[in-house]
Structure formats: C-alpha cells, structure tokens
C-alpha cells in the first residue's frame, strides 16, 4: 500500500514536471527570453523520462501478476 501511494506521488510529480517544462519551453520559443529553453527542455525531458519509467514498471508488474494468475490455474 505504501509503495503504491509513493508511486502515485512520483507519477503526479513527473506529470507536473512535464507540464511545467512544456510551459517554460513554450515561453522560451515564443518570447525573447531564449534562456528559458536552457531550463525548460531538461525539465520537460525529466518529466517524460520519469513518466516512461513508471509506465514501464507498471506494465512489468502487470505482466508478472497476469503470469502468476495464469500459472496458478
């Protein structure tokens, strides 16, 4: 239970990071503050990377659980 709550908290943080990184990157592209690209792109990629890792872990756990259920029958 504790691990599931922690995983949800990390995933929400990753989603927030992706949205925030997108906003900073958009501001760097559309305004004269091109230095925002230096900060926005890495923040955006961090959010994408963490979200991808969480999705991969969830798929892996789901496959293990499904294989255990099929093997038990």
Protein backbone atom coordinates (compact mmCIF):
# COMPACT_ATOMS: atom_id res chain seq x y z
CA UNK A 1 0.00 0.00 0.00
CA UNK A 2 2.77 2.39 0.96
CA UNK A 3 4.68 1.64 -2.24
CA UNK A 4 1.57 2.28 -4.35
CA UNK A 5 0.99 5.67 -2.76
CA UNK A 6 4.64 6.57 -3.28
CA UNK A 7 4.42 5.54 -6.92
CA UNK A 8 1.35 7.74 -7.45
CA UNK A 9 3.11 10.69 -5.79
CA UNK A 10 6.15 10.26 -8.04
CA UNK A 11 3.93 9.97 -11.12
CA UNK A 12 2.00 13.15 -10.26
CA UNK A 13 5.32 14.92 -9.71
CA UNK A 14 6.52 13.69 -13.11
CA UNK A 15 3.34 14.89 -14.81
CA UNK A 16 3.69 18.29 -13.13
CA UNK A 17 7.33 18.43 -14.21
CA UNK A 18 6.35 17.69 -17.81
CA UNK A 19 3.67 20.38 -17.84
CA UNK A 20 5.96 22.93 -16.18
CA UNK A 21 8.80 22.08 -18.59
CA UNK A 22 6.43 22.46 -21.53
CA UNK A 23 5.33 25.88 -20.28
CA UNK A 24 8.90 27.12 -19.84
CA UNK A 25 9.95 25.75 -23.23
CA UNK A 26 6.94 27.39 -24.90
CA UNK A 27 7.79 30.70 -23.23
CA UNK A 28 11.39 30.39 -24.43
CA UNK A 29 10.25 29.78 -28.01
CA UNK A 30 7.56 32.46 -28.23
CA UNK A 31 9.21 35.33 -26.33
CA UNK A 32 12.59 36.99 -26.33
CA UNK A 33 13.63 35.01 -23.22
CA UNK A 34 15.53 32.31 -25.05
CA UNK A 35 17.40 31.41 -21.87
CA UNK A 36 14.18 29.69 -20.75
CA UNK A 37 14.96 26.97 -23.29
CA UNK A 38 18.06 26.08 -21.27
CA UNK A 39 15.85 25.37 -18.26
CA UNK A 40 12.66 24.21 -19.95
CA UNK A 41 13.95 21.43 -22.17
CA UNK A 42 15.75 19.47 -19.41
CA UNK A 43 12.75 19.83 -17.09
CA UNK A 44 10.45 18.60 -19.86
CA UNK A 45 12.69 15.63 -20.62
CA UNK A 46 12.89 14.75 -16.91
CA UNK A 47 9.10 14.58 -16.72
CA UNK A 48 8.91 12.44 -19.87
CA UNK A 49 11.67 10.12 -18.65
CA UNK A 50 10.17 9.55 -15.19
CA UNK A 51 6.67 9.02 -16.61
CA UNK A 52 8.04 6.49 -19.11
CA UNK A 53 9.87 4.59 -16.39
CA UNK A 54 6.76 4.43 -14.23
CA UNK A 55 4.67 3.17 -17.16
CA UNK A 56 7.29 0.52 -17.93
CA UNK A 57 7.37 -0.60 -14.28
CA UNK A 58 3.58 -0.79 -14.16
CA UNK A 59 3.44 -2.87 -17.34
CA UNK A 60 6.13 -5.19 -16.00
CA UNK A 61 4.28 -5.66 -12.69
CA UNK A 62 1.00 -6.26 -14.54
CA UNK A 63 2.63 -8.93 -16.74
CA UNK A 64 4.15 -10.64 -13.71
CA UNK A 65 0.81 -10.62 -11.92
CA UNK A 66 -1.01 -11.92 -15.01
CA UNK A 67 1.57 -14.70 -15.48
CA UNK A 68 1.20 -15.70 -11.84
CA UNK A 69 -2.59 -15.87 -12.18
CA UNK A 70 -2.39 -17.93 -15.39
CA UNK A 71 0.21 -20.25 -13.84
CA UNK A 72 -1.94 -20.77 -10.75
CA UNK A 73 -4.93 -22.05 -12.76
